[in-house]
Every structure is written in structure tokens, then in C-alpha cells.
N, C-alpha and C. Protein backbone atom coordinates (compact mmCIF):
# COMPACT_ATOMS: atom_id res chain seq x y z
N MET A 1 -6.41 -8.00 20.52
CA MET A 1 -6.52 -6.97 19.42
C MET A 1 -7.92 -6.58 19.31
N ALA A 2 -8.25 -5.39 19.13
CA ALA A 2 -9.59 -4.91 18.93
C ALA A 2 -10.31 -5.28 17.81
N ALA A 3 -11.60 -5.35 17.83
CA ALA A 3 -12.27 -5.71 16.74
C ALA A 3 -12.33 -4.73 15.57
N VAL A 4 -12.17 -5.09 14.31
CA VAL A 4 -12.31 -4.20 13.23
C VAL A 4 -13.62 -3.74 12.98
N THR A 5 -13.84 -2.33 13.01
CA THR A 5 -15.10 -1.71 12.85
C THR A 5 -15.35 -0.82 11.59
N SER A 6 -14.09 -0.65 10.90
CA SER A 6 -14.23 0.07 9.81
C SER A 6 -13.14 -0.39 8.74
N LEU A 7 -13.31 -0.13 7.53
CA LEU A 7 -12.44 -0.49 6.51
C LEU A 7 -12.27 0.68 5.55
N LEU A 8 -11.14 1.04 5.02
CA LEU A 8 -10.97 2.11 3.98
C LEU A 8 -10.42 1.39 2.74
N THR A 9 -11.05 1.81 1.57
CA THR A 9 -10.73 1.31 0.27
C THR A 9 -9.38 1.84 -0.11
N LEU A 10 -8.75 1.14 -1.05
CA LEU A 10 -7.39 1.63 -1.39
C LEU A 10 -7.40 2.99 -2.07
N ASP A 11 -8.60 3.16 -2.92
CA ASP A 11 -8.73 4.41 -3.62
C ASP A 11 -8.80 5.51 -2.57
N TYR A 12 -9.46 5.32 -1.44
CA TYR A 12 -9.72 6.31 -0.55
C TYR A 12 -8.49 6.66 0.30
N VAL A 13 -7.68 5.51 0.59
CA VAL A 13 -6.49 5.55 1.27
C VAL A 13 -5.45 6.42 0.46
N ALA A 14 -5.41 6.12 -0.97
CA ALA A 14 -4.68 6.93 -1.82
C ALA A 14 -4.95 8.41 -1.70
N ARG A 15 -6.13 8.69 -1.79
CA ARG A 15 -6.56 10.05 -1.78
C ARG A 15 -6.25 10.85 -0.49
N ILE A 16 -6.36 10.25 0.74
CA ILE A 16 -6.06 10.75 2.01
C ILE A 16 -4.48 10.91 2.17
N LEU A 17 -3.74 9.90 1.69
CA LEU A 17 -2.45 10.01 1.91
C LEU A 17 -1.57 10.70 0.64
N ASP A 18 -2.35 11.19 -0.33
CA ASP A 18 -1.81 11.79 -1.47
C ASP A 18 -0.89 10.88 -2.28
N GLU A 19 -1.10 9.46 -2.31
CA GLU A 19 -0.32 8.59 -3.05
C GLU A 19 -0.99 8.13 -4.19
N ASN A 20 -0.20 7.54 -5.09
CA ASN A 20 -0.65 6.87 -6.34
C ASN A 20 -1.40 5.61 -5.94
N VAL A 21 -2.59 5.33 -6.32
CA VAL A 21 -3.27 4.07 -6.11
C VAL A 21 -2.49 2.93 -6.46
N GLU A 22 -1.78 2.88 -7.79
CA GLU A 22 -0.99 1.86 -8.38
C GLU A 22 -0.03 1.36 -7.37
N LEU A 23 0.66 2.41 -6.75
CA LEU A 23 1.78 2.08 -5.75
C LEU A 23 1.14 1.32 -4.65
N LEU A 24 0.00 1.78 -4.04
CA LEU A 24 -0.58 1.06 -2.94
C LEU A 24 -0.98 -0.31 -3.35
N GLU A 25 -1.56 -0.52 -4.58
CA GLU A 25 -2.11 -1.75 -5.01
C GLU A 25 -0.93 -2.80 -5.04
N ALA A 26 0.17 -2.29 -5.57
CA ALA A 26 1.33 -3.16 -5.79
C ALA A 26 2.03 -3.51 -4.40
N ILE A 27 1.86 -2.72 -3.43
CA ILE A 27 2.44 -3.10 -2.15
C ILE A 27 1.39 -3.96 -1.34
N VAL A 28 0.19 -3.89 -1.53
CA VAL A 28 -0.63 -4.70 -0.79
C VAL A 28 -1.11 -5.90 -1.51
N SER A 29 -0.59 -6.08 -2.87
CA SER A 29 -0.75 -7.29 -3.75
C SER A 29 -0.10 -8.53 -2.96
N ASN A 30 0.78 -8.28 -2.24
CA ASN A 30 1.52 -9.24 -1.39
C ASN A 30 1.10 -8.96 0.00
N ASP A 31 0.29 -9.91 0.58
CA ASP A 31 -0.24 -9.66 1.85
C ASP A 31 0.75 -9.76 3.02
N ASP A 32 1.95 -10.37 2.62
CA ASP A 32 2.96 -10.43 3.55
C ASP A 32 3.62 -8.91 3.83
N ASN A 33 3.35 -7.96 3.14
CA ASN A 33 4.00 -6.65 3.23
C ASN A 33 3.39 -5.88 4.40
N LEU A 34 2.08 -6.14 4.89
CA LEU A 34 1.58 -5.63 6.03
C LEU A 34 1.13 -6.72 7.11
N THR A 35 0.99 -6.47 8.28
CA THR A 35 0.52 -7.28 9.39
C THR A 35 -0.70 -8.16 8.86
N TYR A 36 -0.75 -9.33 9.32
CA TYR A 36 -1.87 -10.17 9.04
C TYR A 36 -3.25 -9.49 9.50
N GLY A 37 -4.14 -9.49 8.66
CA GLY A 37 -5.40 -8.93 9.03
C GLY A 37 -5.66 -7.43 8.42
N ALA A 38 -4.54 -6.76 8.14
CA ALA A 38 -4.57 -5.32 7.87
C ALA A 38 -5.03 -5.15 6.43
N ILE A 39 -4.99 -6.18 5.63
CA ILE A 39 -5.53 -6.01 4.20
C ILE A 39 -6.60 -7.03 4.07
N VAL A 40 -7.79 -6.35 3.53
CA VAL A 40 -9.07 -7.17 3.48
C VAL A 40 -9.54 -7.05 2.20
N SER A 41 -10.06 -8.27 1.76
CA SER A 41 -10.87 -8.30 0.39
C SER A 41 -12.36 -8.16 0.64
N VAL A 42 -12.91 -7.13 0.03
CA VAL A 42 -14.32 -6.94 0.18
C VAL A 42 -15.02 -7.45 -1.06
N HIS A 43 -15.88 -8.37 -1.10
CA HIS A 43 -16.51 -9.01 -2.25
C HIS A 43 -17.83 -8.06 -2.53
N THR A 44 -17.80 -7.63 -3.81
CA THR A 44 -18.92 -6.66 -4.08
C THR A 44 -19.80 -7.48 -5.26
N GLY A 45 -19.48 -8.68 -5.54
CA GLY A 45 -20.29 -9.49 -6.50
C GLY A 45 -19.73 -10.80 -6.58
N LEU A 46 -20.33 -11.76 -7.42
CA LEU A 46 -20.01 -13.06 -7.45
C LEU A 46 -18.42 -13.19 -7.69
N ASP A 47 -17.77 -12.39 -8.75
CA ASP A 47 -16.50 -12.63 -9.05
C ASP A 47 -15.64 -11.18 -8.95
N GLU A 48 -16.28 -10.23 -7.99
CA GLU A 48 -15.77 -9.09 -8.00
C GLU A 48 -15.33 -8.74 -6.60
N SER A 49 -14.21 -8.05 -6.29
CA SER A 49 -13.90 -7.70 -4.99
C SER A 49 -12.98 -6.47 -5.11
N ILE A 50 -12.89 -5.68 -3.92
CA ILE A 50 -12.05 -4.57 -3.85
C ILE A 50 -11.13 -4.83 -2.66
N THR A 51 -9.94 -4.22 -2.57
CA THR A 51 -9.06 -4.27 -1.57
C THR A 51 -9.32 -3.12 -0.53
N ALA A 52 -9.23 -3.39 0.82
CA ALA A 52 -9.52 -2.24 1.72
C ALA A 52 -8.40 -2.72 2.84
N LEU A 53 -8.07 -1.56 3.73
CA LEU A 53 -7.28 -1.66 4.82
C LEU A 53 -8.04 -1.33 6.09
N THR A 54 -7.58 -2.02 7.06
CA THR A 54 -8.00 -1.61 8.43
C THR A 54 -7.34 -0.21 8.82
N ASP A 55 -7.75 0.33 9.96
CA ASP A 55 -7.21 1.60 10.30
C ASP A 55 -5.68 1.29 10.77
N HIS A 56 -5.35 0.10 11.44
CA HIS A 56 -4.08 -0.34 11.63
C HIS A 56 -3.32 -0.51 10.31
N GLY A 57 -3.94 -1.01 9.37
CA GLY A 57 -3.18 -1.21 7.99
C GLY A 57 -2.77 0.14 7.39
N VAL A 58 -3.54 1.09 7.59
CA VAL A 58 -3.43 2.49 6.99
C VAL A 58 -2.30 3.12 7.84
N GLU A 59 -2.20 2.83 9.03
CA GLU A 59 -1.00 3.47 9.97
C GLU A 59 0.22 2.82 9.48
N GLU A 60 0.24 1.51 9.36
CA GLU A 60 1.36 0.77 9.16
C GLU A 60 1.87 1.08 7.76
N LEU A 61 1.06 1.36 6.88
CA LEU A 61 1.47 1.66 5.30
C LEU A 61 1.98 3.23 5.45
N THR A 62 1.38 4.04 6.02
CA THR A 62 1.92 5.38 6.20
C THR A 62 3.23 5.45 6.84
N ASP A 63 3.50 4.58 8.02
CA ASP A 63 4.90 4.54 8.64
C ASP A 63 5.85 4.04 7.53
N MET A 64 5.48 2.95 6.82
CA MET A 64 6.34 2.26 5.93
C MET A 64 6.67 3.29 4.69
N LEU A 65 5.91 3.98 4.35
CA LEU A 65 6.09 4.97 3.06
C LEU A 65 6.99 6.08 3.67
N SER A 66 6.78 6.60 4.88
CA SER A 66 7.49 7.68 5.46
C SER A 66 8.89 7.34 5.66
N GLN A 67 9.28 6.00 6.11
CA GLN A 67 10.41 5.60 6.39
C GLN A 67 11.26 5.37 4.98
N ALA A 68 10.55 4.87 3.98
CA ALA A 68 11.06 4.62 2.74
C ALA A 68 11.48 5.97 1.99
N ARG A 69 10.94 6.99 2.36
CA ARG A 69 11.08 8.19 1.58
C ARG A 69 12.09 9.12 2.25
N LEU A 70 12.90 8.72 3.23
CA LEU A 70 13.84 9.47 3.84
C LEU A 70 15.04 9.90 2.93
N THR A 71 15.40 8.88 2.10
CA THR A 71 16.45 9.26 1.06
C THR A 71 16.16 8.57 -0.31
N THR A 72 16.71 9.12 -1.35
CA THR A 72 16.54 8.41 -2.57
C THR A 72 16.98 6.97 -2.57
N LYS A 73 17.97 6.63 -1.80
CA LYS A 73 18.46 5.33 -1.80
C LYS A 73 17.55 4.42 -1.10
N ALA A 74 16.92 4.93 0.06
CA ALA A 74 16.01 4.15 0.76
C ALA A 74 14.83 3.95 -0.13
N TRP A 75 14.29 4.97 -0.80
CA TRP A 75 13.13 4.88 -1.77
C TRP A 75 13.44 3.77 -2.73
N HIS A 76 14.50 3.78 -3.45
CA HIS A 76 14.74 2.72 -4.56
C HIS A 76 14.98 1.31 -3.82
N GLN A 77 15.42 1.24 -2.72
CA GLN A 77 15.43 -0.12 -2.08
C GLN A 77 14.11 -0.47 -1.60
N PHE A 78 13.23 0.43 -1.12
CA PHE A 78 11.98 -0.01 -0.80
C PHE A 78 11.25 -0.49 -2.11
N LEU A 79 11.27 0.19 -3.18
CA LEU A 79 10.64 -0.11 -4.39
C LEU A 79 11.08 -1.56 -4.98
N ASP A 80 12.37 -1.85 -4.81
CA ASP A 80 12.80 -3.10 -5.13
C ASP A 80 12.35 -4.30 -4.27
N ASP A 81 12.21 -3.95 -3.04
CA ASP A 81 11.76 -5.00 -2.00
C ASP A 81 10.35 -5.19 -2.09
N PHE A 82 9.47 -4.09 -2.33
CA PHE A 82 8.11 -4.23 -2.24
C PHE A 82 7.20 -4.32 -3.46
N ILE A 83 7.83 -3.81 -4.68
CA ILE A 83 7.10 -3.96 -5.84
C ILE A 83 7.50 -5.05 -6.81
N ASP A 84 6.67 -5.87 -7.15
CA ASP A 84 7.23 -7.17 -7.91
C ASP A 84 7.25 -6.76 -9.39
N ASP A 85 6.69 -5.81 -9.81
CA ASP A 85 6.60 -5.35 -11.36
C ASP A 85 7.82 -4.49 -11.57
N PRO A 86 8.86 -4.89 -12.25
CA PRO A 86 10.08 -4.13 -12.46
C PRO A 86 9.66 -2.75 -13.24
N GLU A 87 8.83 -2.91 -14.16
CA GLU A 87 8.37 -1.60 -14.88
C GLU A 87 7.78 -0.62 -14.01
N LEU A 88 6.84 -1.00 -13.11
CA LEU A 88 6.13 -0.03 -12.23
C LEU A 88 7.23 0.44 -11.28
N ALA A 89 8.11 -0.40 -10.78
CA ALA A 89 9.18 0.12 -9.77
C ALA A 89 9.98 1.18 -10.50
N ALA A 90 10.31 0.89 -11.82
CA ALA A 90 11.22 1.85 -12.38
C ALA A 90 10.37 3.21 -12.66
N ARG A 91 9.14 3.07 -12.81
CA ARG A 91 8.40 4.32 -13.03
C ARG A 91 8.33 5.30 -11.71
N PHE A 92 8.13 4.47 -10.65
CA PHE A 92 8.23 5.22 -9.46
C PHE A 92 9.53 5.71 -9.00
N LYS A 93 10.60 5.04 -9.39
CA LYS A 93 11.90 5.44 -9.11
C LYS A 93 12.26 6.71 -9.92
N ALA A 94 11.68 7.05 -10.99
CA ALA A 94 11.86 8.08 -11.76
C ALA A 94 11.39 9.40 -11.04
N HIS A 95 10.55 9.16 -10.14
CA HIS A 95 10.03 10.48 -9.30
C HIS A 95 10.85 10.60 -7.98
N LYS A 96 11.38 11.71 -7.63
CA LYS A 96 12.06 11.88 -6.39
C LYS A 96 11.06 11.66 -5.17
N PRO A 97 11.57 10.89 -4.10
CA PRO A 97 10.76 10.50 -3.01
C PRO A 97 10.33 12.09 -2.36
N ARG A 98 9.20 11.98 -1.70
CA ARG A 98 8.66 13.30 -1.07
C ARG A 98 9.33 13.63 0.21
């Protein structure tokens, strides 16, 4: 595996993928949802950190979301499988997959 030389914050990933940052935060809140090492915590202070993704993590997330959005049924199943907060999942289910 190649060495990680850059990281992208979730805010930035949300902007480049035109995604809701809350959705991305919910997906990566469980580090088992992406390959080990794709999600990185960057400490910005004593008790402060932000979540970032490696380039591979962004690719994996992009592929995951593309597959999930093929049909409404697939999208709802994806949300049930990857979003732990039922209220948040319901909010995203209310929007049609792109």
C-alpha cells in the first residue's frame, strides 16, 4: 500500500461530491464502513479533532454512494445499513436518490 500523502476533510469531500456533510459524517462515524486507514482523525487541539479521508477513502465512499443511489430501494437499504440514527436516515429517505 502506498504511503498517505494527503488528506481531505469531510467538509471538503462533501463540497466536491455535492453531498450533505451530515450524511458523510454519519457514514464515517463507524470506521468499519470504509477500509481500514481510509478514515483519519486529525487533532487540531487538546480535545479537538476533525475527520478526514485519504484519497482511497474518497474513492471508496464515492463508489459506495453511486451504487446505493441506483434505485430508491437500494438507497433506503443503504441508509438502513449505514446510518445508525433513525431520524437522520428518515430525513435522507425523504429525498429521492440522485
